[in-house]
Amino acid sequence: GRIHQVAQVLARAEAGWGNWPAALDLLEDARWLDDVEGGEGHLLLGQALERAERWAEAAEAFEAYQRVASPPPGPVAAILAR
C-alpha cells in the first residue's frame, strides 16, 4: 500500500545519497518488494547488499528483480550481468 511506496521512495533517496546501509534497513526482509514500482526494491536491495559485501544475498535480490520486472537495457543490464 501507501506505506510501502513511501518506504520505496525513501530507500531510493538513501541510495541516491550513497547511504546504502539505510536503504538496506528499509528493504531487507520487506515482503512487498514484488508489488511496488515493478520490483525496483529488489534492485536497490541487491545493490545495498553488494555494498555490504553480502554477495550471495545480492545475487538472490537481482534474480528476484529479473523475475518480477522487465529490466531496461543500459546500466541496469550491466548490474544484473554481475
N, C-alpha and C. Protein backbone atom coordinates (compact mmCIF):
# COMPACT_ATOMS: atom_id res chain seq x y z
N GLY A 1 0.79 -1.16 0.00
CA GLY A 1 0.00 0.00 0.00
C GLY A 1 0.86 1.26 0.00
N ARG A 2 0.27 2.26 0.49
CA ARG A 2 0.90 3.59 0.51
C ARG A 2 2.19 3.61 1.34
N ILE A 3 2.18 2.93 2.48
CA ILE A 3 3.37 2.89 3.33
C ILE A 3 4.53 2.25 2.60
N HIS A 4 4.25 1.20 1.84
CA HIS A 4 5.31 0.53 1.08
C HIS A 4 5.88 1.45 0.00
N GLN A 5 5.03 2.21 -0.64
CA GLN A 5 5.51 3.16 -1.65
C GLN A 5 6.41 4.21 -1.03
N VAL A 6 6.04 4.68 0.16
CA VAL A 6 6.85 5.67 0.85
C VAL A 6 8.21 5.07 1.22
N ALA A 7 8.20 3.84 1.72
CA ALA A 7 9.46 3.17 2.06
C ALA A 7 10.34 3.01 0.83
N GLN A 8 9.72 2.68 -0.30
CA GLN A 8 10.46 2.55 -1.56
C GLN A 8 11.11 3.87 -1.96
N VAL A 9 10.36 4.95 -1.86
CA VAL A 9 10.89 6.28 -2.20
C VAL A 9 12.03 6.64 -1.25
N LEU A 10 11.87 6.38 0.02
CA LEU A 10 12.93 6.67 0.99
C LEU A 10 14.18 5.85 0.69
N ALA A 11 14.00 4.58 0.36
CA ALA A 11 15.16 3.73 0.02
C ALA A 11 15.87 4.25 -1.22
N ARG A 12 15.10 4.67 -2.22
CA ARG A 12 15.70 5.23 -3.43
C ARG A 12 16.48 6.51 -3.11
N ALA A 13 15.92 7.34 -2.24
CA ALA A 13 16.60 8.58 -1.84
C ALA A 13 17.88 8.27 -1.08
N GLU A 14 17.82 7.33 -0.15
CA GLU A 14 19.02 6.96 0.61
C GLU A 14 20.10 6.42 -0.33
N ALA A 15 19.69 5.60 -1.27
CA ALA A 15 20.65 5.07 -2.25
C ALA A 15 21.26 6.21 -3.07
N GLY A 16 20.43 7.16 -3.44
CA GLY A 16 20.91 8.30 -4.21
C GLY A 16 21.95 9.12 -3.47
N TRP A 17 21.83 9.16 -2.16
CA TRP A 17 22.80 9.88 -1.32
C TRP A 17 24.00 8.99 -0.98
N GLY A 18 23.95 7.73 -1.42
CA GLY A 18 25.05 6.82 -1.10
C GLY A 18 24.94 6.24 0.29
N ASN A 19 23.79 6.40 0.93
CA ASN A 19 23.58 5.85 2.26
C ASN A 19 22.98 4.45 2.13
N TRP A 20 23.78 3.54 1.64
CA TRP A 20 23.32 2.18 1.37
C TRP A 20 22.91 1.42 2.63
N PRO A 21 23.57 1.63 3.79
CA PRO A 21 23.08 0.94 4.99
C PRO A 21 21.63 1.30 5.33
N ALA A 22 21.26 2.57 5.15
CA ALA A 22 19.87 2.97 5.42
C ALA A 22 18.92 2.35 4.42
N ALA A 23 19.33 2.29 3.15
CA ALA A 23 18.50 1.64 2.13
C ALA A 23 18.32 0.17 2.47
N LEU A 24 19.39 -0.46 2.92
CA LEU A 24 19.31 -1.87 3.30
C LEU A 24 18.34 -2.06 4.46
N ASP A 25 18.41 -1.17 5.45
CA ASP A 25 17.48 -1.26 6.59
C ASP A 25 16.02 -1.15 6.14
N LEU A 26 15.76 -0.31 5.15
CA LEU A 26 14.38 -0.12 4.68
C LEU A 26 13.87 -1.31 3.87
N LEU A 27 14.77 -2.00 3.17
CA LEU A 27 14.33 -3.01 2.20
C LEU A 27 14.53 -4.45 2.66
N GLU A 28 15.49 -4.68 3.53
CA GLU A 28 15.78 -6.05 3.94
C GLU A 28 14.57 -6.64 4.67
N ASP A 29 14.23 -7.83 4.34
CA ASP A 29 13.09 -8.56 4.92
C ASP A 29 11.73 -7.98 4.54
N ALA A 30 11.69 -7.03 3.61
CA ALA A 30 10.41 -6.49 3.14
C ALA A 30 9.73 -7.53 2.26
N ARG A 31 8.48 -7.79 2.51
CA ARG A 31 7.74 -8.80 1.76
C ARG A 31 6.95 -8.20 0.60
N TRP A 32 7.04 -6.91 0.43
CA TRP A 32 6.23 -6.19 -0.55
C TRP A 32 7.02 -5.80 -1.79
N LEU A 33 8.27 -6.19 -1.90
CA LEU A 33 9.11 -5.70 -2.99
C LEU A 33 8.58 -6.06 -4.37
N ASP A 34 7.93 -7.19 -4.52
CA ASP A 34 7.36 -7.57 -5.82
C ASP A 34 6.24 -6.61 -6.26
N ASP A 35 5.59 -6.00 -5.30
CA ASP A 35 4.34 -5.29 -5.57
C ASP A 35 4.47 -3.79 -5.77
N VAL A 36 5.65 -3.24 -5.55
CA VAL A 36 5.81 -1.78 -5.61
C VAL A 36 6.77 -1.41 -6.74
N GLU A 37 6.30 -0.54 -7.61
CA GLU A 37 7.11 0.03 -8.69
C GLU A 37 7.89 -1.00 -9.48
N GLY A 38 7.20 -2.04 -9.90
CA GLY A 38 7.80 -3.03 -10.78
C GLY A 38 8.95 -3.82 -10.18
N GLY A 39 8.96 -3.91 -8.86
CA GLY A 39 10.00 -4.71 -8.21
C GLY A 39 11.33 -3.99 -8.04
N GLU A 40 11.35 -2.66 -8.23
CA GLU A 40 12.60 -1.91 -8.14
C GLU A 40 13.30 -2.10 -6.80
N GLY A 41 12.54 -2.35 -5.76
CA GLY A 41 13.14 -2.55 -4.44
C GLY A 41 14.13 -3.70 -4.42
N HIS A 42 13.85 -4.74 -5.22
CA HIS A 42 14.80 -5.85 -5.31
C HIS A 42 16.13 -5.38 -5.88
N LEU A 43 16.07 -4.52 -6.87
CA LEU A 43 17.29 -3.99 -7.48
C LEU A 43 18.07 -3.16 -6.47
N LEU A 44 17.38 -2.26 -5.77
CA LEU A 44 18.04 -1.45 -4.75
C LEU A 44 18.60 -2.32 -3.63
N LEU A 45 17.82 -3.33 -3.23
CA LEU A 45 18.28 -4.24 -2.18
C LEU A 45 19.55 -4.96 -2.62
N GLY A 46 19.56 -5.43 -3.86
CA GLY A 46 20.76 -6.11 -4.37
C GLY A 46 21.98 -5.21 -4.34
N GLN A 47 21.80 -3.96 -4.73
CA GLN A 47 22.91 -3.02 -4.72
C GLN A 47 23.38 -2.74 -3.29
N ALA A 48 22.44 -2.60 -2.36
CA ALA A 48 22.81 -2.38 -0.97
C ALA A 48 23.54 -3.59 -0.40
N LEU A 49 23.09 -4.77 -0.75
CA LEU A 49 23.75 -5.99 -0.27
C LEU A 49 25.15 -6.12 -0.85
N GLU A 50 25.32 -5.72 -2.10
CA GLU A 50 26.67 -5.72 -2.69
C GLU A 50 27.61 -4.83 -1.88
N ARG A 51 27.14 -3.66 -1.54
CA ARG A 51 27.98 -2.73 -0.79
C ARG A 51 28.29 -3.25 0.61
N ALA A 52 27.42 -4.11 1.13
CA ALA A 52 27.67 -4.76 2.43
C ALA A 52 28.49 -6.04 2.25
N GLU A 53 28.89 -6.31 1.01
CA GLU A 53 29.68 -7.50 0.64
C GLU A 53 28.97 -8.80 1.01
N ARG A 54 27.66 -8.78 0.86
CA ARG A 54 26.84 -9.98 1.07
C ARG A 54 26.44 -10.48 -0.32
N TRP A 55 27.41 -11.08 -0.98
CA TRP A 55 27.32 -11.39 -2.42
C TRP A 55 26.19 -12.35 -2.77
N ALA A 56 26.05 -13.45 -2.05
CA ALA A 56 25.02 -14.44 -2.39
C ALA A 56 23.63 -13.83 -2.24
N GLU A 57 23.43 -13.06 -1.19
CA GLU A 57 22.13 -12.43 -0.99
C GLU A 57 21.86 -11.37 -2.06
N ALA A 58 22.90 -10.67 -2.48
CA ALA A 58 22.75 -9.69 -3.56
C ALA A 58 22.31 -10.39 -4.84
N ALA A 59 22.94 -11.52 -5.14
CA ALA A 59 22.57 -12.28 -6.34
C ALA A 59 21.11 -12.71 -6.27
N GLU A 60 20.65 -13.14 -5.11
CA GLU A 60 19.25 -13.54 -4.94
C GLU A 60 18.31 -12.35 -5.18
N ALA A 61 18.69 -11.18 -4.69
CA ALA A 61 17.85 -9.99 -4.89
C ALA A 61 17.79 -9.62 -6.37
N PHE A 62 18.92 -9.70 -7.07
CA PHE A 62 18.92 -9.40 -8.50
C PHE A 62 18.08 -10.41 -9.28
N GLU A 63 18.15 -11.68 -8.89
CA GLU A 63 17.33 -12.71 -9.54
C GLU A 63 15.85 -12.43 -9.30
N ALA A 64 15.51 -12.02 -8.10
CA ALA A 64 14.11 -11.68 -7.81
C ALA A 64 13.66 -10.50 -8.66
N TYR A 65 14.52 -9.52 -8.84
CA TYR A 65 14.18 -8.38 -9.69
C TYR A 65 13.93 -8.82 -11.12
N GLN A 66 14.80 -9.66 -11.64
CA GLN A 66 14.62 -10.13 -13.02
C GLN A 66 13.33 -10.93 -13.16
N ARG A 67 12.94 -11.62 -12.12
CA ARG A 67 11.73 -12.45 -12.15
C ARG A 67 10.47 -11.59 -12.23
N VAL A 68 10.46 -10.44 -11.55
CA VAL A 68 9.23 -9.65 -11.48
C VAL A 68 9.22 -8.41 -12.36
N ALA A 69 10.37 -8.03 -12.91
CA ALA A 69 10.47 -6.79 -13.68
C ALA A 69 10.88 -7.07 -15.12
N SER A 70 10.73 -6.08 -15.92
CA SER A 70 11.25 -6.10 -17.28
C SER A 70 12.40 -5.10 -17.31
N PRO A 71 13.60 -5.55 -16.94
CA PRO A 71 14.71 -4.61 -16.82
C PRO A 71 15.02 -3.91 -18.14
N PRO A 72 15.20 -2.60 -18.09
CA PRO A 72 15.58 -1.88 -19.30
C PRO A 72 17.05 -2.13 -19.62
N PRO A 73 17.43 -1.94 -20.88
CA PRO A 73 18.84 -2.07 -21.22
C PRO A 73 19.64 -0.93 -20.60
N GLY A 74 20.94 -1.03 -20.65
CA GLY A 74 21.79 0.03 -20.14
C GLY A 74 22.38 -0.33 -18.80
N PRO A 75 22.46 0.65 -17.91
CA PRO A 75 23.11 0.42 -16.61
C PRO A 75 22.49 -0.72 -15.81
N VAL A 76 21.17 -0.86 -15.87
CA VAL A 76 20.53 -1.94 -15.11
C VAL A 76 20.97 -3.29 -15.65
N ALA A 77 21.07 -3.42 -16.96
CA ALA A 77 21.53 -4.67 -17.56
C ALA A 77 22.95 -5.00 -17.10
N ALA A 78 23.78 -3.99 -16.98
CA ALA A 78 25.16 -4.20 -16.52
C ALA A 78 25.17 -4.67 -15.07
N ILE A 79 24.32 -4.10 -14.25
CA ILE A 79 24.24 -4.53 -12.85
C ILE A 79 23.81 -5.98 -12.77
N LEU A 80 22.81 -6.35 -13.54
CA LEU A 80 22.29 -7.71 -13.50
C LEU A 80 23.27 -8.72 -14.06
N ALA A 81 24.11 -8.29 -14.97
CA ALA A 81 25.09 -9.19 -15.56
C ALA A 81 26.14 -9.64 -14.55
N ARG A 82 26.33 -8.84 -13.50
CA ARG A 82 27.29 -9.23 -12.46
C ARG A 82 26.80 -10.46 -11.78
